[in-house]
Protein backbone atom coordinates (compact mmCIF):
# COMPACT_ATOMS: atom_id res chain seq x y z
CA MET A 1 12.25 32.95 -39.09
CA THR A 2 9.65 30.20 -39.34
CA PRO A 3 6.08 30.93 -38.30
CA THR A 4 4.99 29.00 -35.25
CA THR A 5 1.62 27.62 -34.36
CA PRO A 6 0.06 29.68 -31.57
CA LEU A 7 -0.29 27.84 -28.29
CA THR A 8 -3.77 27.16 -27.02
CA GLN A 9 -4.34 27.25 -23.29
CA LEU A 10 -6.42 24.29 -22.17
CA PRO A 11 -8.04 23.89 -18.78
CA MET A 12 -6.49 20.85 -17.10
CA PRO A 13 -7.96 20.50 -13.64
CA ILE A 14 -6.54 17.98 -11.20
CA PRO A 15 -9.05 15.12 -10.79
CA SER A 16 -10.20 13.79 -7.46
CA GLY A 17 -9.72 10.08 -6.82
CA GLU A 18 -13.42 9.57 -7.50
CA GLN A 19 -13.23 11.38 -10.85
CA LEU A 20 -10.20 9.33 -11.87
CA LYS A 21 -11.90 6.08 -10.92
CA ALA A 22 -15.07 7.06 -12.81
CA ALA A 23 -13.04 7.86 -15.94
CA ARG A 24 -11.16 4.55 -15.68
CA LEU A 25 -14.38 2.57 -15.28
CA ALA A 26 -16.03 4.45 -18.16
CA ALA A 27 -13.06 3.40 -20.31
CA GLY A 28 -13.61 -0.23 -19.29
CA LEU A 29 -10.12 -0.57 -17.80
CA ASN A 30 -8.88 -2.11 -14.59
CA GLN A 31 -6.26 -0.24 -12.57
CA ALA A 32 -3.34 -2.14 -14.07
CA GLN A 33 -4.51 -1.49 -17.65
CA ALA A 34 -5.01 2.22 -16.95
CA ALA A 35 -1.60 2.47 -15.29
CA GLU A 36 0.08 0.72 -18.20
CA LEU A 37 -1.61 3.08 -20.68
CA LEU A 38 0.07 6.05 -18.98
CA GLY A 39 3.37 4.36 -18.26
CA TYR A 40 3.03 3.88 -14.50
CA SER A 41 4.95 0.97 -13.03
CA LEU A 42 3.26 -2.36 -12.40
CA GLN A 43 4.00 -4.89 -9.65
CA THR A 44 3.01 -8.46 -8.97
CA GLY A 45 0.30 -8.49 -6.32
CA SER A 46 0.03 -10.79 -3.33
CA ARG A 47 -2.34 -13.07 -5.25
CA GLY A 48 -0.09 -13.21 -8.32
CA GLY A 49 -1.94 -10.69 -10.44
CA VAL A 50 -0.50 -7.45 -11.77
CA GLN A 51 -1.29 -4.21 -9.97
CA SER A 52 -0.24 -0.58 -9.81
CA ARG A 53 0.23 0.80 -6.33
CA THR A 54 0.61 4.27 -7.83
CA TRP A 55 -2.79 4.08 -9.54
CA GLN A 56 -4.36 2.67 -6.38
CA ALA A 57 -3.02 5.67 -4.44
CA LEU A 58 -4.29 8.14 -7.04
CA GLU A 59 -7.82 6.72 -6.73
CA SER A 60 -7.72 6.42 -2.93
CA PRO A 61 -9.87 8.90 -1.01
CA THR A 62 -7.42 8.77 1.91
CA ASP A 63 -4.17 9.32 -0.03
CA GLU A 64 -2.96 12.89 -0.55
CA ARG A 65 -1.52 12.21 -4.01
CA ASN A 66 -3.43 13.39 -7.06
CA MET A 67 -2.87 12.86 -10.76
CA GLN A 68 -1.59 16.02 -12.44
CA GLY A 69 -4.07 17.78 -14.72
CA PRO A 70 -2.11 17.34 -17.99
CA VAL A 71 -1.73 13.60 -17.31
CA PHE A 72 -5.48 13.30 -16.66
CA ALA A 73 -6.18 15.23 -19.88
CA MET A 74 -3.98 12.75 -21.77
CA PHE A 75 -5.82 9.82 -20.15
CA LEU A 76 -9.14 11.31 -21.27
CA LEU A 77 -7.79 11.84 -24.80
CA LEU A 78 -6.37 8.33 -25.04
CA THR A 79 -9.64 6.78 -23.87
CA GLY A 80 -11.88 9.00 -26.04
CA GLN A 81 -13.47 10.74 -23.04
CA HIS A 82 -12.16 14.30 -23.31
CA PRO A 83 -15.15 16.67 -23.32
CA THR A 84 -13.96 18.90 -26.19
CA LEU A 85 -10.94 17.34 -27.90
CA GLN A 86 -10.04 14.12 -29.64
CA LEU A 87 -6.84 12.58 -30.92
CA VAL A 88 -6.60 12.38 -34.68
CA ALA A 89 -3.79 10.69 -36.58
CA LYS A 90 -1.75 12.98 -38.81
CA GLU A 91 -1.71 12.35 -42.53
CA PRO A 92 1.59 10.76 -43.56
CA GLN A 93 3.90 13.20 -45.30
CA ALA A 94 5.85 12.27 -48.40
CA PRO A 95 9.56 11.95 -47.67
CA ASP A 96 11.65 14.95 -48.68
CA THR A 97 14.00 13.73 -51.40
CA GLY A 98 15.67 17.11 -51.85
CA LYS A 99 14.73 17.17 -55.54
CA SER A 100 12.54 19.76 -57.20
CA PRO A 101 9.27 18.44 -58.61
CA ASP A 102 9.27 17.81 -62.36
CA PRO A 103 7.38 20.52 -64.29
CA ALA A 104 4.35 19.15 -66.04
């Protein structure tokens, strides 16, 4: 049996539309850029620009939809705004060739 890494419970509250908008603005993103970062669909707007109706709804004070907490946590991580965590690239691992190392 292989040892497993223990899971860490993280608080992931659901943001209000105002909190989501504040985080987006702090990241310097427009709604379409923020939506694209998280994989939300984009549409062509009435004036020819790109928009995300989903993101608009998530920020709207009158819409009942909210972004799920884990998705908001990922947005904060991706934009460097998470209050306690940060994304760090893993060190590349050497490929396993199946050979034993040569004794020195």
